[in-house]
Amino acid sequence: MLRVVIVEDENIIRKGLVCTVDWQSMGACIVGEAADGEEGLQVVREQQPDVVLTDIRMPRLSGLAMAEALRQSGSHVAIVFLTSYADFTYAQEALRLGAVDYLLKPVEEEALRAVLQKLVRAGGEKGRQAERCLPELVDWLDLLQQDNLNPYVRDVLGLIAAHYRERLSVEQTADALGISASYLSRKLKDQTGHTFNSLVTRYRLQQSLSLLREGRLRVYEVAEQVGFGDYKNFAQVFRKYLEMTPSQFMQGL
C-alpha cells in the first residue's frame, strides 16, 4: 500500500483530499498532512511516505522548494504537484525535480487514481527487478483489491499501514472498530491467512526492506523507524521470516 503525505496550504482543499478521496481503493493511505513546505519537510522525514502530493505556491516554503530540498537530501519519494496555475514553466520546473506528474486543481479522482496506479506498477516492476524472493511477506494491494474482502479486515489493513510504527494490538484495534477481538481475529485469519500480529510484523518488515535498500540509516535506526523498537528484536524477527540477517540482506544488494 502506498503511504501518502498531502502538503496544501488551503485547508478546505487539503481536508477534502484527506477525507473524501477513496484512498484504500487506490491502494494508498494518508499518513500525514501539512499546510506548507516547511511543515511538509518535517512530516516527510518523520513518516517516510512513498508519495507526496503537494501544492506549488505556498507560504514560507513553496512546493518546488520543498521538492528541491528533498532531492538534495537524497530522498526518493515520488512527488506529484497539485496546482491551480496552468503554466508550462511550472510544469518544466516540476519535471526537472523529477515529479511523477502535474495535476491541476480541482483534482479529478480518476486522474489521481491513474497516477497512483502508475506508481504501484512502477514499484512492482522495480521490486521484481531488484528483490530476491522474500518468503512469507504479504501483498497489501492484492489483499485490498479482493472483491469479497470483509470491511473490518479492510479497515484493519488501513490502520496497520497508517500506524505500524506504534504499539498495536488486536484488542485495541477491535475496540476501536466496535467489534470483538475474537471475531476480528477469525476474519483476519480466514481472509488473509495470517493473525493480526503476523500482519503487523510482515508490514513492518516490508517497510524495513525499503529503508535498508536506501542505505541512509543504520540497521538499529531502521528497527526504530518501523516499530520494532530495538535491534535485537528486529534481527530475530528478520531472520525468522526472511531466513537471513539485516546485514546479510544489505550485503546482497
Protein backbone atom coordinates (compact mmCIF):
# COMPACT_ATOMS: atom_id res chain seq x y z
CA MET A 1 0.00 0.00 0.00
CA LEU A 2 1.34 3.44 -0.94
CA ARG A 3 1.87 5.78 2.00
CA VAL A 4 0.83 9.32 1.05
CA VAL A 5 1.50 12.76 2.56
CA ILE A 6 -0.53 15.77 1.39
CA VAL A 7 1.01 19.26 1.53
CA GLU A 8 -1.51 22.02 0.76
CA ASP A 9 -1.94 25.45 2.34
CA GLU A 10 -5.67 25.73 1.57
CA ASN A 11 -7.31 23.92 4.46
CA ILE A 12 -10.56 23.13 2.62
CA ILE A 13 -8.71 21.54 -0.30
CA ARG A 14 -6.33 19.62 1.98
CA LYS A 15 -9.10 18.25 4.20
CA GLY A 16 -11.17 17.46 1.13
CA LEU A 17 -8.39 15.33 -0.30
CA VAL A 18 -7.76 13.61 3.02
CA CYS A 19 -11.39 12.86 3.86
CA THR A 20 -13.30 12.45 0.59
CA VAL A 21 -10.96 10.51 -1.69
CA ASP A 22 -11.31 6.70 -1.54
CA TRP A 23 -7.61 6.12 -0.92
CA GLN A 24 -7.88 2.45 0.03
CA SER A 25 -9.46 1.56 -3.31
CA MET A 26 -6.37 3.13 -4.92
CA GLY A 27 -4.02 1.03 -2.83
CA ALA A 28 -2.99 4.02 -0.71
CA CYS A 29 -3.42 5.53 2.74
CA ILE A 30 -2.81 9.00 4.16
CA VAL A 31 -0.05 9.03 6.77
CA GLY A 32 0.38 12.79 7.20
CA GLU A 33 -0.59 16.26 6.06
CA ALA A 34 0.99 19.71 6.17
CA ALA A 35 -0.01 23.31 5.47
CA ASP A 36 3.24 24.49 3.86
CA GLY A 37 6.58 23.28 2.56
CA GLU A 38 8.49 23.64 5.83
CA GLU A 39 5.95 21.59 7.73
CA GLY A 40 5.86 19.20 4.78
CA LEU A 41 9.59 18.52 5.03
CA GLN A 42 9.22 17.61 8.69
CA VAL A 43 6.24 15.31 8.05
CA VAL A 44 8.04 13.57 5.18
CA ARG A 45 11.13 12.98 7.31
CA GLU A 46 9.04 11.58 10.14
CA GLN A 47 6.66 9.43 8.10
CA GLN A 48 8.91 8.34 5.20
CA PRO A 49 6.00 8.19 2.71
CA ASP A 50 6.07 6.72 -0.78
CA VAL A 51 4.26 9.68 -2.35
CA VAL A 52 3.93 13.40 -1.63
CA LEU A 53 1.03 15.33 -3.16
CA THR A 54 1.94 18.98 -2.88
CA ASP A 55 0.68 22.37 -3.97
CA ILE A 56 3.26 24.54 -5.75
CA ARG A 57 2.54 28.01 -4.32
CA MET A 58 2.52 28.01 -0.51
CA PRO A 59 3.67 30.36 2.27
CA ARG A 60 7.05 30.00 3.99
CA LEU A 61 8.32 27.31 1.58
CA SER A 62 6.86 26.51 -1.84
CA GLY A 63 6.21 23.02 -3.10
CA LEU A 64 9.02 23.41 -5.63
CA ALA A 65 11.48 24.47 -2.93
CA MET A 66 10.36 21.57 -0.73
CA ALA A 67 10.89 19.14 -3.60
CA GLU A 68 14.36 20.59 -4.21
CA ALA A 69 15.23 20.13 -0.53
CA LEU A 70 14.00 16.54 -0.59
CA ARG A 71 16.05 15.73 -3.66
CA GLN A 72 19.17 17.32 -2.17
CA SER A 73 18.69 15.22 0.97
CA GLY A 74 18.73 12.06 -1.14
CA SER A 75 15.03 11.28 -0.73
CA HIS A 76 13.47 9.18 -3.49
CA VAL A 77 9.87 9.90 -2.51
CA ALA A 78 7.56 10.24 -5.53
CA ILE A 79 6.26 13.80 -5.90
CA VAL A 80 3.01 14.81 -7.57
CA PHE A 81 2.38 18.56 -7.87
CA LEU A 82 -1.12 19.96 -7.43
CA THR A 83 -1.69 23.49 -8.64
CA SER A 84 -4.27 25.93 -9.92
CA TYR A 85 -1.69 27.55 -12.18
CA ALA A 86 -1.78 26.02 -15.65
CA ASP A 87 1.59 27.46 -16.56
CA PHE A 88 4.10 25.46 -18.58
CA THR A 89 7.04 26.98 -16.68
CA TYR A 90 5.79 25.31 -13.51
CA ALA A 91 5.49 22.01 -15.36
CA GLN A 92 9.05 22.37 -16.61
CA GLU A 93 10.37 23.00 -13.10
CA ALA A 94 8.31 20.11 -11.74
CA LEU A 95 9.79 17.76 -14.34
CA ARG A 96 13.31 18.98 -13.59
CA LEU A 97 12.77 17.99 -9.98
CA GLY A 98 11.68 14.51 -11.00
CA ALA A 99 7.96 14.97 -10.45
CA VAL A 100 5.83 11.93 -11.27
CA ASP A 101 3.00 14.09 -12.56
CA TYR A 102 1.49 17.58 -12.55
CA LEU A 103 -2.25 17.78 -11.82
CA LEU A 104 -4.46 20.86 -11.94
CA LYS A 105 -6.87 21.67 -9.11
CA PRO A 106 -9.62 20.79 -8.53
CA VAL A 107 -8.11 17.31 -8.81
CA GLU A 108 -10.25 14.73 -10.55
CA GLU A 109 -10.28 11.47 -8.60
CA GLU A 110 -9.81 9.34 -11.71
CA ALA A 111 -6.75 11.35 -12.73
CA LEU A 112 -5.31 10.86 -9.25
CA ARG A 113 -6.14 7.16 -9.39
CA ALA A 114 -4.29 6.83 -12.69
CA VAL A 115 -1.17 8.46 -11.22
CA LEU A 116 -1.18 6.23 -8.14
CA GLN A 117 -1.74 3.10 -10.22
CA LYS A 118 1.22 4.10 -12.36
CA LEU A 119 3.33 4.34 -9.20
CA VAL A 120 2.10 0.96 -7.98
CA ARG A 121 3.02 -0.65 -11.32
CA ALA A 122 6.41 1.06 -11.38
CA GLY A 123 7.12 -0.03 -7.82
CA GLY A 124 6.13 -3.59 -8.60
CA GLU A 125 8.36 -3.74 -11.65
CA LYS A 126 11.27 -2.22 -9.75
CA GLY A 127 10.72 -4.70 -6.96
CA ARG A 128 10.69 -7.65 -9.35
CA GLN A 129 13.97 -6.50 -10.82
CA ALA A 130 15.72 -5.63 -7.55
CA GLU A 131 14.41 -8.04 -4.95
CA ARG A 132 15.29 -11.62 -4.31
CA CYS A 133 12.42 -13.93 -3.40
CA LEU A 134 11.39 -13.00 0.12
CA PRO A 135 9.23 -15.61 1.85
CA GLU A 136 6.05 -15.01 3.82
CA LEU A 137 5.55 -11.29 3.22
CA VAL A 138 2.09 -10.00 2.39
CA ASP A 139 1.00 -8.18 -0.78
CA TRP A 140 -1.13 -5.42 0.77
CA LEU A 141 -2.51 -4.16 -2.53
CA ASP A 142 -3.54 -7.65 -3.61
CA LEU A 143 -5.48 -8.11 -0.38
CA LEU A 144 -7.23 -4.76 -0.69
CA GLN A 145 -8.32 -5.49 -4.25
CA GLN A 146 -10.23 -8.65 -3.27
CA ASP A 147 -13.90 -8.13 -4.08
CA ASN A 148 -15.19 -10.09 -1.08
CA LEU A 149 -12.88 -8.53 1.49
CA ASN A 150 -14.62 -8.05 4.83
CA PRO A 151 -14.98 -4.30 5.58
CA TYR A 152 -13.46 -4.75 9.04
CA VAL A 153 -10.48 -6.56 7.54
CA ARG A 154 -10.10 -3.72 5.03
CA ASP A 155 -10.17 -1.18 7.88
CA VAL A 156 -7.55 -3.14 9.82
CA LEU A 157 -5.20 -3.26 6.83
CA GLY A 158 -5.50 0.50 6.50
CA LEU A 159 -4.91 1.03 10.23
CA ILE A 160 -1.80 -1.15 10.19
CA ALA A 161 -0.38 0.72 7.18
CA ALA A 162 -1.01 4.09 8.83
CA HIS A 163 0.09 3.23 12.39
CA TYR A 164 2.61 0.38 12.10
CA ARG A 165 5.27 2.40 13.94
CA GLU A 166 3.07 2.47 17.05
CA ARG A 167 2.16 -0.24 19.57
CA LEU A 168 -0.71 -2.20 18.03
CA SER A 169 -2.86 -4.99 19.44
CA VAL A 170 -5.86 -6.87 18.13
CA GLU A 171 -7.81 -5.99 21.29
CA GLN A 172 -7.15 -2.26 20.91
CA THR A 173 -7.98 -2.34 17.21
CA ALA A 174 -11.15 -4.37 17.65
CA ASP A 175 -12.31 -1.99 20.36
CA ALA A 176 -11.73 0.99 18.05
CA LEU A 177 -13.87 -0.73 15.38
CA GLY A 178 -16.61 -1.65 17.86
CA ILE A 179 -16.29 -5.42 17.42
CA SER A 180 -14.93 -8.29 19.48
CA ALA A 181 -11.27 -9.30 19.27
CA SER A 182 -12.25 -12.93 18.66
CA TYR A 183 -14.45 -12.00 15.68
CA LEU A 184 -11.75 -9.77 14.20
CA SER A 185 -9.06 -12.43 14.68
CA ARG A 186 -11.22 -15.05 12.98
CA LYS A 187 -11.99 -12.82 9.99
CA LEU A 188 -8.34 -11.84 9.56
CA LYS A 189 -7.23 -15.46 9.60
CA ASP A 190 -9.99 -16.55 7.22
CA GLN A 191 -9.38 -13.83 4.64
CA THR A 192 -5.64 -13.19 4.82
CA GLY A 193 -4.29 -16.45 6.23
CA HIS A 194 -2.48 -14.52 8.95
CA THR A 195 -3.07 -13.38 12.50
CA PHE A 196 -3.18 -9.70 13.44
CA ASN A 197 0.33 -9.78 14.93
CA SER A 198 1.65 -11.60 11.89
CA LEU A 199 0.21 -8.96 9.55
CA VAL A 200 1.76 -6.17 11.61
CA THR A 201 5.13 -7.92 11.61
CA ARG A 202 5.08 -8.57 7.89
CA TYR A 203 4.13 -4.97 7.09
CA ARG A 204 6.93 -3.67 9.32
CA LEU A 205 9.38 -5.97 7.58
CA GLN A 206 8.25 -4.75 4.16
CA GLN A 207 8.92 -1.17 5.24
CA SER A 208 12.29 -2.14 6.70
CA LEU A 209 13.40 -3.61 3.37
CA SER A 210 12.77 -0.29 1.63
CA LEU A 211 14.76 1.62 4.24
CA LEU A 212 17.63 -0.89 4.19
CA ARG A 213 17.83 -0.59 0.39
CA GLU A 214 18.06 3.19 0.62
CA GLY A 215 21.12 2.83 2.83
CA ARG A 216 20.59 6.14 4.65
CA LEU A 217 20.01 4.66 8.10
CA ARG A 218 21.89 2.24 10.30
CA VAL A 219 20.18 -1.07 11.00
CA TYR A 220 19.25 -0.11 14.55
CA GLU A 221 17.74 3.14 13.22
CA VAL A 222 15.67 1.15 10.73
CA ALA A 223 14.45 -1.04 13.59
CA GLU A 224 13.25 2.04 15.46
CA GLN A 225 11.71 3.64 12.36
CA VAL A 226 9.48 0.66 11.54
CA GLY A 227 8.25 -0.07 15.05
CA PHE A 228 10.41 -2.97 16.23
CA GLY A 229 11.92 -0.85 18.98
CA ASP A 230 15.38 -2.37 19.31
CA TYR A 231 17.95 -4.02 17.09
CA LYS A 232 17.94 -7.41 18.83
CA ASN A 233 14.22 -7.94 18.37
CA PHE A 234 14.37 -6.68 14.80
CA ALA A 235 17.25 -9.00 13.89
CA GLN A 236 15.49 -12.03 15.42
CA VAL A 237 12.23 -11.36 13.58
CA PHE A 238 14.06 -10.57 10.32
CA ARG A 239 15.95 -13.89 10.47
CA LYS A 240 12.76 -15.82 11.37
CA TYR A 241 10.74 -14.52 8.42
CA LEU A 242 13.41 -13.87 5.79
CA GLU A 243 15.98 -16.53 6.69
CA MET A 244 18.82 -14.02 6.78
CA THR A 245 20.02 -11.16 8.97
CA PRO A 246 19.53 -7.50 8.04
CA SER A 247 23.28 -7.22 7.42
CA GLN A 248 23.24 -10.20 5.08
CA PHE A 249 20.33 -8.67 3.16
CA MET A 250 22.25 -5.40 2.72
CA GLN A 251 25.40 -7.24 1.58
CA GLY A 252 23.38 -8.87 -1.18
CA LEU A 253 22.11 -5.59 -2.64
